[in-house]
PDB file of N, CA and C in Angstrom:
ATOM      1  N   MET A   1       0.834  -1.180   0.000  1.00  0.00           N
ATOM      2  CA  MET A   1       0.000   0.000   0.000  1.00  0.00           C
ATOM      3  C   MET A   1       0.883   1.249   0.000  1.00  0.00           C
ATOM      4  N   PRO A   2       1.192   1.782  -1.168  1.00  0.00           N
ATOM      5  CA  PRO A   2       2.103   2.923  -1.242  1.00  0.00           C
ATOM      6  C   PRO A   2       1.553   4.202  -0.622  1.00  0.00           C
ATOM      7  N   PHE A   3       0.256   4.284  -0.348  1.00  0.00           N
ATOM      8  CA  PHE A   3      -0.284   5.489   0.282  1.00  0.00           C
ATOM      9  C   PHE A   3       0.119   5.585   1.759  1.00  0.00           C
ATOM     10  N   VAL A   4       0.426   4.470   2.403  1.00  0.00           N
ATOM     11  CA  VAL A   4       0.805   4.484   3.821  1.00  0.00           C
ATOM     12  C   VAL A   4       2.086   5.293   4.050  1.00  0.00           C
ATOM     13  N   PRO A   5       3.174   5.035   3.311  1.00  0.00           N
ATOM     14  CA  PRO A   5       4.363   5.849   3.544  1.00  0.00           C
ATOM     15  C   PRO A   5       4.150   7.325   3.213  1.00  0.00           C
ATOM     16  N   ILE A   6       3.315   7.602   2.231  1.00  0.00           N
ATOM     17  CA  ILE A   6       3.044   9.001   1.887  1.00  0.00           C
ATOM     18  C   ILE A   6       2.299   9.683   3.030  1.00  0.00           C
ATOM     19  N   ALA A   7       1.323   9.000   3.603  1.00  0.00           N
ATOM     20  CA  ALA A   7       0.589   9.558   4.744  1.00  0.00           C
ATOM     21  C   ALA A   7       1.524   9.761   5.939  1.00  0.00           C
ATOM     22  N   LEU A   8       2.382   8.780   6.197  1.00  0.00           N
ATOM     23  CA  LEU A   8       3.335   8.902   7.298  1.00  0.00           C
ATOM     24  C   LEU A   8       4.309  10.061   7.066  1.00  0.00           C
ATOM     25  N   LEU A   9       4.718  10.255   5.814  1.00  0.00           N
ATOM     26  CA  LEU A   9       5.610  11.376   5.504  1.00  0.00           C
ATOM     27  C   LEU A   9       4.914  12.716   5.721  1.00  0.00           C
ATOM     28  N   PHE A  10       3.631  12.802   5.410  1.00  0.00           N
ATOM     29  CA  PHE A  10       2.889  14.031   5.687  1.00  0.00           C
ATOM     30  C   PHE A  10       2.895  14.339   7.180  1.00  0.00           C
ATOM     31  N   VAL A  11       2.584  13.334   7.991  1.00  0.00           N
ATOM     32  CA  VAL A  11       2.552  13.538   9.439  1.00  0.00           C
ATOM     33  C   VAL A  11       3.943  13.914   9.948  1.00  0.00           C
ATOM     34  N   SER A  12       4.972  13.212   9.499  1.00  0.00           N
ATOM     35  CA  SER A  12       6.328  13.511   9.968  1.00  0.00           C
ATOM     36  C   SER A  12       6.737  14.918   9.577  1.00  0.00           C
ATOM     37  N   ASN A  13       6.350  15.366   8.390  1.00  0.00           N
ATOM     38  CA  ASN A  13       6.718  16.705   7.951  1.00  0.00           C
ATOM     39  C   ASN A  13       5.988  17.786   8.727  1.00  0.00           C
ATOM     40  N   ILE A  14       4.785  17.515   9.165  1.00  0.00           N
ATOM     41  CA  ILE A  14       4.088  18.486  10.014  1.00  0.00           C
ATOM     42  C   ILE A  14       4.882  18.682  11.301  1.00  0.00           C
ATOM     43  N   PHE A  15       5.288  17.589  11.921  1.00  0.00           N
ATOM     44  CA  PHE A  15       6.070  17.701  13.156  1.00  0.00           C
ATOM     45  C   PHE A  15       7.421  18.379  12.921  1.00  0.00           C
ATOM     46  N   MET A  16       8.101  18.035  11.834  1.00  0.00           N
ATOM     47  CA  MET A  16       9.407  18.619  11.587  1.00  0.00           C
ATOM     48  C   MET A  16       9.299  20.115  11.282  1.00  0.00           C
ATOM     49  N   THR A  17       8.279  20.497  10.549  1.00  0.00           N
ATOM     50  CA  THR A  17       8.093  21.920  10.261  1.00  0.00           C
ATOM     51  C   THR A  17       7.826  22.688  11.547  1.00  0.00           C
ATOM     52  N   ILE A  18       7.033  22.117  12.423  1.00  0.00           N
ATOM     53  CA  ILE A  18       6.792  22.756  13.720  1.00  0.00           C
ATOM     54  C   ILE A  18       8.096  22.848  14.512  1.00  0.00           C
ATOM     55  N   ALA A  19       8.877  21.766  14.506  1.00  0.00           N
ATOM     56  CA  ALA A  19      10.150  21.763  15.251  1.00  0.00           C
ATOM     57  C   ALA A  19      11.107  22.823  14.714  1.00  0.00           C
ATOM     58  N   TRP A  20      11.205  22.954  13.411  1.00  0.00           N
ATOM     59  CA  TRP A  20      12.168  23.866  12.811  1.00  0.00           C
ATOM     60  C   TRP A  20      11.718  25.320  12.834  1.00  0.00           C
ATOM     61  N   TYR A  21      10.410  25.555  12.641  1.00  0.00           N
ATOM     62  CA  TYR A  21       9.949  26.928  12.443  1.00  0.00           C
ATOM     63  C   TYR A  21       8.931  27.422  13.465  1.00  0.00           C
ATOM     64  N   GLY A  22       8.337  26.542  14.244  1.00  0.00           N
ATOM     65  CA  GLY A  22       7.309  26.954  15.195  1.00  0.00           C
ATOM     66  C   GLY A  22       7.787  27.973  16.214  1.00  0.00           C
ATOM     67  N   HIS A  23       9.034  27.875  16.606  1.00  0.00           N
ATOM     68  CA  HIS A  23       9.582  28.781  17.617  1.00  0.00           C
ATOM     69  C   HIS A  23       9.733  30.217  17.114  1.00  0.00           C
ATOM     70  N   LEU A  24       9.674  30.418  15.811  1.00  0.00           N
ATOM     71  CA  LEU A  24       9.839  31.767  15.261  1.00  0.00           C
ATOM     72  C   LEU A  24       8.724  32.703  15.707  1.00  0.00           C
ATOM     73  N   LYS A  25       7.618  32.139  16.131  1.00  0.00           N
ATOM     74  CA  LYS A  25       6.508  32.938  16.647  1.00  0.00           C
ATOM     75  C   LYS A  25       6.785  33.413  18.079  1.00  0.00           C
ATOM     76  N   PHE A  26       7.836  32.898  18.686  1.00  0.00           N
ATOM     77  CA  PHE A  26       8.176  33.234  20.069  1.00  0.00           C
ATOM     78  C   PHE A  26       9.617  33.741  20.151  1.00  0.00           C
ATOM     79  N   PRO A  27       9.894  34.914  19.597  1.00  0.00           N
ATOM     80  CA  PRO A  27      11.277  35.394  19.530  1.00  0.00           C
ATOM     81  C   PRO A  27      11.902  35.697  20.890  1.00  0.00           C
ATOM     82  N   ASP A  28      11.095  35.843  21.919  1.00  0.00           N
ATOM     83  CA  ASP A  28      11.632  36.149  23.240  1.00  0.00           C
ATOM     84  C   ASP A  28      11.983  34.901  24.050  1.00  0.00           C
ATOM     85  N   ALA A  29      11.637  33.737  23.548  1.00  0.00           N
ATOM     86  CA  ALA A  29      11.963  32.495  24.262  1.00  0.00           C
ATOM     87  C   ALA A  29      13.469  32.274  24.226  1.00  0.00           C
ATOM     88  N   GLU A  30      13.983  31.687  25.278  1.00  0.00           N
ATOM     89  CA  GLU A  30      15.416  31.395  25.349  1.00  0.00           C
ATOM     90  C   GLU A  30      15.789  30.358  24.298  1.00  0.00           C
ATOM     91  N   LEU A  31      16.946  30.552  23.683  1.00  0.00           N
ATOM     92  CA  LEU A  31      17.388  29.652  22.628  1.00  0.00           C
ATOM     93  C   LEU A  31      17.490  28.215  23.128  1.00  0.00           C
ATOM     94  N   TRP A  32      18.053  28.009  24.304  1.00  0.00           N
ATOM     95  CA  TRP A  32      18.208  26.649  24.801  1.00  0.00           C
ATOM     96  C   TRP A  32      16.846  25.981  24.975  1.00  0.00           C
ATOM     97  N   GLN A  33      15.828  26.767  25.360  1.00  0.00           N
ATOM     98  CA  GLN A  33      14.493  26.204  25.531  1.00  0.00           C
ATOM     99  C   GLN A  33      13.901  25.761  24.198  1.00  0.00           C
ATOM    100  N   VAL A  34      14.030  26.617  23.184  1.00  0.00           N
ATOM    101  CA  VAL A  34      13.450  26.235  21.893  1.00  0.00           C
ATOM    102  C   VAL A  34      14.203  25.066  21.273  1.00  0.00           C
ATOM    103  N   VAL A  35      15.503  24.962  21.553  1.00  0.00           N
ATOM    104  CA  VAL A  35      16.269  23.817  21.043  1.00  0.00           C
ATOM    105  C   VAL A  35      15.767  22.530  21.689  1.00  0.00           C
ATOM    106  N   VAL A  36      15.584  22.545  22.987  1.00  0.00           N
ATOM    107  CA  VAL A  36      15.111  21.346  23.691  1.00  0.00           C
ATOM    108  C   VAL A  36      13.699  20.973  23.241  1.00  0.00           C
ATOM    109  N   ILE A  37      12.827  21.956  23.133  1.00  0.00           N
ATOM    110  CA  ILE A  37      11.460  21.684  22.688  1.00  0.00           C
ATOM    111  C   ILE A  37      11.463  21.166  21.251  1.00  0.00           C
ATOM    112  N   ALA A  38      12.246  21.811  20.390  1.00  0.00           N
ATOM    113  CA  ALA A  38      12.319  21.381  18.989  1.00  0.00           C
ATOM    114  C   ALA A  38      12.858  19.956  18.890  1.00  0.00           C
ATOM    115  N   TRP A  39      13.829  19.631  19.721  1.00  0.00           N
ATOM    116  CA  TRP A  39      14.379  18.278  19.714  1.00  0.00           C
ATOM    117  C   TRP A  39      13.303  17.262  20.081  1.00  0.00           C
ATOM    118  N   GLY A  40      12.490  17.592  21.075  1.00  0.00           N
ATOM    119  CA  GLY A  40      11.404  16.693  21.476  1.00  0.00           C
ATOM    120  C   GLY A  40      10.382  16.513  20.367  1.00  0.00           C
ATOM    121  N   ILE A  41      10.057  17.589  19.675  1.00  0.00           N
ATOM    122  CA  ILE A  41       9.117  17.505  18.562  1.00  0.00           C
ATOM    123  C   ILE A  41       9.734  16.696  17.420  1.00  0.00           C
ATOM    124  N   ALA A  42      11.021  16.904  17.165  1.00  0.00           N
ATOM    125  CA  ALA A  42      11.705  16.168  16.100  1.00  0.00           C
ATOM    126  C   ALA A  42      11.736  14.672  16.401  1.00  0.00           C
ATOM    127  N   PHE A  43      11.825  14.318  17.676  1.00  0.00           N
ATOM    128  CA  PHE A  43      11.779  12.902  18.039  1.00  0.00           C
ATOM    129  C   PHE A  43      10.469  12.275  17.576  1.00  0.00           C
ATOM    130  N   VAL A  44       9.365  12.992  17.799  1.00  0.00           N
ATOM    131  CA  VAL A  44       8.061  12.501  17.348  1.00  0.00           C
ATOM    132  C   VAL A  44       8.067  12.381  15.823  1.00  0.00           C
ATOM    133  N   GLU A  45       8.696  13.340  15.152  1.00  0.00           N
ATOM    134  CA  GLU A  45       8.797  13.290  13.691  1.00  0.00           C
ATOM    135  C   GLU A  45       9.478  12.009  13.243  1.00  0.00           C
ATOM    136  N   TYR A  46      10.536  11.620  13.933  1.00  0.00           N
ATOM    137  CA  TYR A  46      11.263  10.394  13.577  1.00  0.00           C
ATOM    138  C   TYR A  46      10.404   9.152  13.738  1.00  0.00           C
ATOM    139  N   ILE A  47       9.473   9.177  14.680  1.00  0.00           N
ATOM    140  CA  ILE A  47       8.583   8.038  14.894  1.00  0.00           C
ATOM    141  C   ILE A  47       7.749   7.770  13.633  1.00  0.00           C
ATOM    142  N   PHE A  48       7.474   8.815  12.871  1.00  0.00           N
ATOM    143  CA  PHE A  48       6.723   8.666  11.625  1.00  0.00           C
ATOM    144  C   PHE A  48       7.631   8.532  10.408  1.00  0.00           C
ATOM    145  N   ALA A  49       8.750   9.258  10.397  1.00  0.00           N
ATOM    146  CA  ALA A  49       9.621   9.281   9.220  1.00  0.00           C
ATOM    147  C   ALA A  49      10.332   7.955   8.981  1.00  0.00           C
ATOM    148  N   VAL A  50      10.838   7.351  10.035  1.00  0.00           N
ATOM    149  CA  VAL A  50      11.585   6.095   9.859  1.00  0.00           C
ATOM    150  C   VAL A  50      10.692   4.990   9.291  1.00  0.00           C
ATOM    151  N   PRO A  51       9.511   4.742   9.860  1.00  0.00           N
ATOM    152  CA  PRO A  51       8.648   3.734   9.244  1.00  0.00           C
ATOM    153  C   PRO A  51       8.210   4.119   7.822  1.00  0.00           C
ATOM    154  N   ALA A  52       7.986   5.409   7.595  1.00  0.00           N
ATOM    155  CA  ALA A  52       7.595   5.851   6.250  1.00  0.00           C
ATOM    156  C   ALA A  52       8.657   5.459   5.236  1.00  0.00           C
ATOM    157  N   ASN A  53       9.910   5.668   5.577  1.00  0.00           N
ATOM    158  CA  ASN A  53      10.987   5.345   4.653  1.00  0.00           C
ATOM    159  C   ASN A  53      11.191   3.838   4.509  1.00  0.00           C
ATOM    160  N   ARG A  54      11.065   3.103   5.594  1.00  0.00           N
ATOM    161  CA  ARG A  54      11.227   1.645   5.511  1.00  0.00           C
ATOM    162  C   ARG A  54      10.115   1.009   4.691  1.00  0.00           C
ATOM    163  N   ILE A  55       8.883   1.461   4.933  1.00  0.00           N
ATOM    164  CA  ILE A  55       7.752   0.930   4.167  1.00  0.00           C
ATOM    165  C   ILE A  55       7.818   1.435   2.727  1.00  0.00           C
ATOM    166  N   GLY A  56       8.097   2.715   2.568  1.00  0.00           N
ATOM    167  CA  GLY A  56       8.121   3.323   1.243  1.00  0.00           C
ATOM    168  C   GLY A  56       9.157   2.737   0.318  1.00  0.00           C
ATOM    169  N   PHE A  57      10.276   2.266   0.880  1.00  0.00           N
ATOM    170  CA  PHE A  57      11.345   1.700   0.063  1.00  0.00           C
ATOM    171  C   PHE A  57      10.920   0.393  -0.604  1.00  0.00           C
ATOM    172  N   LYS A  58       9.835  -0.195  -0.126  1.00  0.00           N
ATOM    173  CA  LYS A  58       9.290  -1.394  -0.764  1.00  0.00           C
ATOM    174  C   LYS A  58       8.553  -1.052  -2.059  1.00  0.00           C
ATOM    175  N   TYR A  59       8.112   0.200  -2.174  1.00  0.00           N
ATOM    176  CA  TYR A  59       7.299   0.612  -3.315  1.00  0.00           C
ATOM    177  C   TYR A  59       7.996   1.601  -4.247  1.00  0.00           C
ATOM    178  N   PHE A  60       8.945   2.351  -3.707  1.00  0.00           N
ATOM    179  CA  PHE A  60       9.575   3.426  -4.461  1.00  0.00           C
ATOM    180  C   PHE A  60      11.087   3.275  -4.444  1.00  0.00           C
ATOM    181  N   SER A  61      11.730   3.794  -5.479  1.00  0.00           N
ATOM    182  CA  SER A  61      13.195   3.863  -5.442  1.00  0.00           C
ATOM    183  C   SER A  61      13.579   4.922  -4.404  1.00  0.00           C
ATOM    184  N   LEU A  62      14.826   4.922  -4.020  1.00  0.00           N
ATOM    185  CA  LEU A  62      15.279   5.903  -3.036  1.00  0.00           C
ATOM    186  C   LEU A  62      15.094   7.323  -3.562  1.00  0.00           C
ATOM    187  N   ALA A  63      15.408   7.548  -4.837  1.00  0.00           N
ATOM    188  CA  ALA A  63      15.227   8.881  -5.428  1.00  0.00           C
ATOM    189  C   ALA A  63      13.752   9.285  -5.432  1.00  0.00           C
ATOM    190  N   GLU A  64      12.882   8.343  -5.737  1.00  0.00           N
ATOM    191  CA  GLU A  64      11.445   8.642  -5.728  1.00  0.00           C
ATOM    192  C   GLU A  64      10.962   8.950  -4.311  1.00  0.00           C
ATOM    193  N   LEU A  65      11.417   8.175  -3.357  1.00  0.00           N
ATOM    194  CA  LEU A  65      11.029   8.382  -1.965  1.00  0.00           C
ATOM    195  C   LEU A  65      11.467   9.757  -1.472  1.00  0.00           C
ATOM    196  N   LYS A  66      12.686  10.131  -1.788  1.00  0.00           N
ATOM    197  CA  LYS A  66      13.192  11.452  -1.390  1.00  0.00           C
ATOM    198  C   LYS A  66      12.421  12.559  -2.087  1.00  0.00           C
ATOM    199  N   THR A  67      12.071  12.343  -3.338  1.00  0.00           N
ATOM    200  CA  THR A  67      11.312  13.340  -4.085  1.00  0.00           C
ATOM    201  C   THR A  67       9.926  13.529  -3.470  1.00  0.00           C
ATOM    202  N   ILE A  68       9.281  12.438  -3.117  1.00  0.00           N
ATOM    203  CA  ILE A  68       7.978  12.525  -2.448  1.00  0.00           C
ATOM    204  C   ILE A  68       8.113  13.341  -1.174  1.00  0.00           C
ATOM    205  N   GLN A  69       9.135  13.039  -0.400  1.00  0.00           N
ATOM    206  CA  GLN A  69       9.350  13.744   0.867  1.00  0.00           C
ATOM    207  C   GLN A  69       9.557  15.235   0.638  1.00  0.00           C
ATOM    208  N   GLU A  70      10.310  15.607  -0.377  1.00  0.00           N
ATOM    209  CA  GLU A  70      10.585  17.028  -0.630  1.00  0.00           C
ATOM    210  C   GLU A  70       9.333  17.769  -1.086  1.00  0.00           C
ATOM    211  N   VAL A  71       8.538  17.153  -1.935  1.00  0.00           N
ATOM    212  CA  VAL A  71       7.297  17.795  -2.377  1.00  0.00           C
ATOM    213  C   VAL A  71       6.339  17.950  -1.200  1.00  0.00           C
ATOM    214  N   ILE A  72       6.257  16.925  -0.354  1.00  0.00           N
ATOM    215  CA  ILE A  72       5.430  17.027   0.850  1.00  0.00           C
ATOM    216  C   ILE A  72       5.958  18.134   1.753  1.00  0.00           C
ATOM    217  N   THR A  73       7.269  18.209   1.921  1.00  0.00           N
ATOM    218  CA  THR A  73       7.867  19.250   2.763  1.00  0.00           C
ATOM    219  C   THR A  73       7.468  20.639   2.283  1.00  0.00           C
ATOM    220  N   LEU A  74       7.550  20.873   0.984  1.00  0.00           N
ATOM    221  CA  LEU A  74       7.167  22.183   0.450  1.00  0.00           C
ATOM    222  C   LEU A  74       5.689  22.464   0.664  1.00  0.00           C
ATOM    223  N   THR A  75       4.864  21.455   0.499  1.00  0.00           N
ATOM    224  CA  THR A  75       3.427  21.622   0.690  1.00  0.00           C
ATOM    225  C   THR A  75       3.107  21.976   2.140  1.00  0.00           C
ATOM    226  N   VAL A  76       3.679  21.211   3.058  1.00  0.00           N
ATOM    227  CA  VAL A  76       3.452  21.462   4.484  1.00  0.00           C
ATOM    228  C   VAL A  76       4.022  22.826   4.871  1.00  0.00           C
ATOM    229  N   PHE A  77       5.227  23.126   4.381  1.00  0.00           N
ATOM    230  CA  PHE A  77       5.873  24.396   4.690  1.00  0.00           C
ATOM    231  C   PHE A  77       5.027  25.581   4.217  1.00  0.00           C
ATOM    232  N   ALA A  78       4.498  25.494   3.007  1.00  0.00           N
ATOM    233  CA  ALA A  78       3.677  26.588   2.483  1.00  0.00           C
ATOM    234  C   ALA A  78       2.440  26.799   3.347  1.00  0.00           C
ATOM    235  N   GLY A  79       1.761  25.710   3.676  1.00  0.00           N
ATOM    236  CA  GLY A  79       0.589  25.825   4.533  1.00  0.00           C
ATOM    237  C   GLY A  79       0.921  26.379   5.906  1.00  0.00           C
ATOM    238  N   PHE A  80       1.996  25.901   6.488  1.00  0.00           N
ATOM    239  CA  PHE A  80       2.439  26.367   7.807  1.00  0.00           C
ATOM    240  C   PHE A  80       2.793  27.845   7.764  1.00  0.00           C
ATOM    241  N   SER A  81       3.492  28.257   6.724  1.00  0.00           N
ATOM    242  CA  SER A  81       3.904  29.651   6.582  1.00  0.00           C
ATOM    243  C   SER A  81       2.705  30.585   6.558  1.00  0.00           C
ATOM    244  N   ILE A  82       1.695  30.172   5.824  1.00  0.00           N
ATOM    245  CA  ILE A  82       0.504  31.002   5.678  1.00  0.00           C
ATOM    246  C   ILE A  82      -0.354  30.958   6.937  1.00  0.00           C
ATOM    247  N   LEU A  83      -0.670  29.748   7.395  1.00  0.00           N
ATOM    248  CA  LEU A  83      -1.640  29.585   8.479  1.00  0.00           C
ATOM    249  C   LEU A  83      -1.085  29.912   9.861  1.00  0.00           C
ATOM    250  N   TYR A  84       0.160  29.561  10.121  1.00  0.00           N
ATOM    251  CA  TYR A  84       0.718  29.732  11.471  1.00  0.00           C
ATOM    252  C   TYR A  84       1.529  31.012  11.608  1.00  0.00           C
ATOM    253  N   LEU A  85       2.369  31.296  10.633  1.00  0.00           N
ATOM    254  CA  LEU A  85       3.240  32.468  10.737  1.00  0.00           C
ATOM    255  C   LEU A  85       2.696  33.684   9.997  1.00  0.00           C
ATOM    256  N   GLY A  86       1.606  33.516   9.272  1.00  0.00           N
ATOM    257  CA  GLY A  86       0.989  34.644   8.594  1.00  0.00           C
ATOM    258  C   GLY A  86       1.807  35.195   7.435  1.00  0.00           C
ATOM    259  N   GLN A  87       2.641  34.370   6.849  1.00  0.00           N
ATOM    260  CA  GLN A  87       3.473  34.794   5.726  1.00  0.00           C
ATOM    261  C   GLN A  87       2.659  34.751   4.435  1.00  0.00           C
ATOM    262  N   LYS A  88       3.066  35.561   3.510  1.00  0.00           N
ATOM    263  CA  LYS A  88       2.431  35.566   2.189  1.00  0.00           C
ATOM    264  C   LYS A  88       3.244  34.673   1.256  1.00  0.00           C
ATOM    265  N   ILE A  89       2.555  33.934   0.418  1.00  0.00           N
ATOM    266  CA  ILE A  89       3.205  33.154  -0.628  1.00  0.00           C
ATOM    267  C   ILE A  89       3.013  33.950  -1.915  1.00  0.00           C
ATOM    268  N   THR A  90       4.115  34.332  -2.530  1.00  0.00           N
ATOM    269  CA  THR A  90       4.049  35.160  -3.737  1.00  0.00           C
ATOM    270  C   THR A  90       4.077  34.290  -4.988  1.00  0.00           C
ATOM    271  N   LEU A  91       3.860  34.925  -6.105  1.00  0.00           N
ATOM    272  CA  LEU A  91       3.929  34.230  -7.376  1.00  0.00           C
ATOM    273  C   LEU A  91       5.310  33.617  -7.583  1.00  0.00           C
ATOM    274  N   HIS A  92       6.344  34.303  -7.147  1.00  0.00           N
ATOM    275  CA  HIS A  92       7.699  33.764  -7.266  1.00  0.00           C
ATOM    276  C   HIS A  92       7.852  32.465  -6.469  1.00  0.00           C
ATOM    277  N   HIS A  93       7.265  32.430  -5.278  1.00  0.00           N
ATOM    278  CA  HIS A  93       7.297  31.201  -4.480  1.00  0.00           C
ATOM    279  C   HIS A  93       6.569  30.074  -5.208  1.00  0.00           C
ATOM    280  N   VAL A  94       5.388  30.379  -5.720  1.00  0.00           N
ATOM    281  CA  VAL A  94       4.584  29.366  -6.409  1.00  0.00           C
ATOM    282  C   VAL A  94       5.347  28.822  -7.619  1.00  0.00           C
ATOM    283  N   ILE A  95       5.940  29.708  -8.388  1.00  0.00           N
ATOM    284  CA  ILE A  95       6.699  29.266  -9.567  1.00  0.00           C
ATOM    285  C   ILE A  95       7.896  28.414  -9.138  1.00  0.00           C
ATOM    286  N   GLY A  96       8.615  28.854  -8.107  1.00  0.00           N
ATOM    287  CA  GLY A  96       9.751  28.073  -7.622  1.00  0.00           C
ATOM    288  C   GLY A  96       9.334  26.695  -7.129  1.00  0.00           C
ATOM    289  N   PHE A  97       8.254  26.632  -6.369  1.00  0.00           N
ATOM    290  CA  PHE A  97       7.755  25.345  -5.892  1.00  0.00           C
ATOM    291  C   PHE A  97       7.312  24.479  -7.063  1.00  0.00           C
ATOM    292  N   ALA A  98       6.669  25.091  -8.059  1.00  0.00           N
ATOM    293  CA  ALA A  98       6.227  24.338  -9.232  1.00  0.00           C
ATOM    294  C   ALA A  98       7.416  23.759  -9.995  1.00  0.00           C
ATOM    295  N   LEU A  99       8.500  24.511 -10.077  1.00  0.00           N
ATOM    296  CA  LEU A  99       9.696  23.991 -10.746  1.00  0.00           C
ATOM    297  C   LEU A  99      10.283  22.804  -9.990  1.00  0.00           C
ATOM    298  N   ILE A 100      10.249  22.872  -8.667  1.00  0.00           N
ATOM    299  CA  ILE A 100      10.724  21.740  -7.862  1.00  0.00           C
ATOM    300  C   ILE A 100       9.810  20.533  -8.090  1.00  0.00           C
ATOM    301  N   ALA A 101       8.499  20.769  -8.113  1.00  0.00           N
ATOM    302  CA  ALA A 101       7.553  19.680  -8.375  1.00  0.00           C
ATOM    303  C   ALA A 101       7.770  19.102  -9.774  1.00  0.00           C
ATOM    304  N   ALA A 102       8.092  19.962 -10.738  1.00  0.00           N
ATOM    305  CA  ALA A 102       8.384  19.479 -12.093  1.00  0.00           C
ATOM    306  C   ALA A 102       9.617  18.574 -12.069  1.00  0.00           C
ATOM    307  N   GLY A 103      10.605  18.936 -11.270  1.00  0.00           N
ATOM    308  CA  GLY A 103      11.766  18.061 -11.100  1.00  0.00           C
ATOM    309  C   GLY A 103      11.358  16.718 -10.531  1.00  0.00           C
ATOM    310  N   GLY A 104      10.399  16.740  -9.600  1.00  0.00           N
ATOM    311  CA  GLY A 104       9.881  15.492  -9.046  1.00  0.00           C
ATOM    312  C   GLY A 104       9.216  14.641 -10.105  1.00  0.00           C
ATOM    313  N   ALA A 105       8.436  15.273 -10.969  1.00  0.00           N
ATOM    314  CA  ALA A 105       7.798  14.534 -12.061  1.00  0.00           C
ATOM    315  C   ALA A 105       8.851  13.929 -12.977  1.00  0.00           C
ATOM    316  N   PHE A 106       9.922  14.649 -13.195  1.00  0.00           N
ATOM    317  CA  PHE A 106      11.022  14.147 -14.027  1.00  0.00           C
ATOM    318  C   PHE A 106      11.636  12.896 -13.398  1.00  0.00           C
ATOM    319  N   ILE A 107      11.810  12.906 -12.072  1.00  0.00           N
ATOM    320  CA  ILE A 107      12.367  11.747 -11.350  1.00  0.00           C
ATOM    321  C   ILE A 107      11.471  10.531 -11.559  1.00  0.00           C
ATOM    322  N   PHE A 108      10.153  10.727 -11.448  1.00  0.00           N
ATOM    323  CA  PHE A 108       9.232   9.599 -11.550  1.00  0.00           C
ATOM    324  C   PHE A 108       9.109   9.067 -12.978  1.00  0.00           C
ATOM    325  N   ASN A 109       9.525   9.845 -13.939  1.00  0.00           N
ATOM    326  CA  ASN A 109       9.483   9.379 -15.329  1.00  0.00           C
ATOM    327  C   ASN A 109      10.823   8.879 -15.814  1.00  0.00           C
ATOM    328  N   ALA A 110      11.794   8.795 -14.916  1.00  0.00           N
ATOM    329  CA  ALA A 110      13.126   8.289 -15.295  1.00  0.00           C
ATOM    330  C   ALA A 110      13.048   6.794 -15.576  1.00  0.00           C
ATOM    331  N   PRO A 111      13.857   6.315 -16.511  1.00  0.00           N
ATOM    332  CA  PRO A 111      13.893   4.871 -16.760  1.00  0.00           C
ATOM    333  C   PRO A 111      14.310   4.114 -15.501  1.00  0.00           C
ATOM    334  N   LYS A 112      13.694   2.993 -15.275  1.00  0.00           N
ATOM    335  CA  LYS A 112      14.026   2.165 -14.102  1.00  0.00           C
ATOM    336  C   LYS A 112      15.363   1.468 -14.348  1.00  0.00           C
ATOM    337  N   ALA A 113      16.180   1.483 -13.296  1.00  0.00           N
ATOM    338  CA  ALA A 113      17.509   0.859 -13.413  1.00  0.00           C
ATOM    339  C   ALA A 113      17.419  -0.642 -13.314  1.00  0.00           C
TER     340      ALA A 113
END
């Protein structure tokens, strides 16, 4: 079931995005505190990412698996940026993300080794 690793990667990326960028909303928090909290959140991310990659490797090549993860990362990041941090996504961002997604499509259309 190739949808299982994709779902797990979505969940893991939500946690990782929170770990990496969630603290930006709290600029007055002590650095050591945000590092410890981020580390704890990243641990939860690993609980989803490791099984996603182990299961996903049964269905996808390593390059395909990494490409899926990167496209999911951009998707989660864009949503997080807008919804949590109130950032604007510009046309330049959309075009850049689309070019990365096009690279992903290129990976999936590569001849199988």
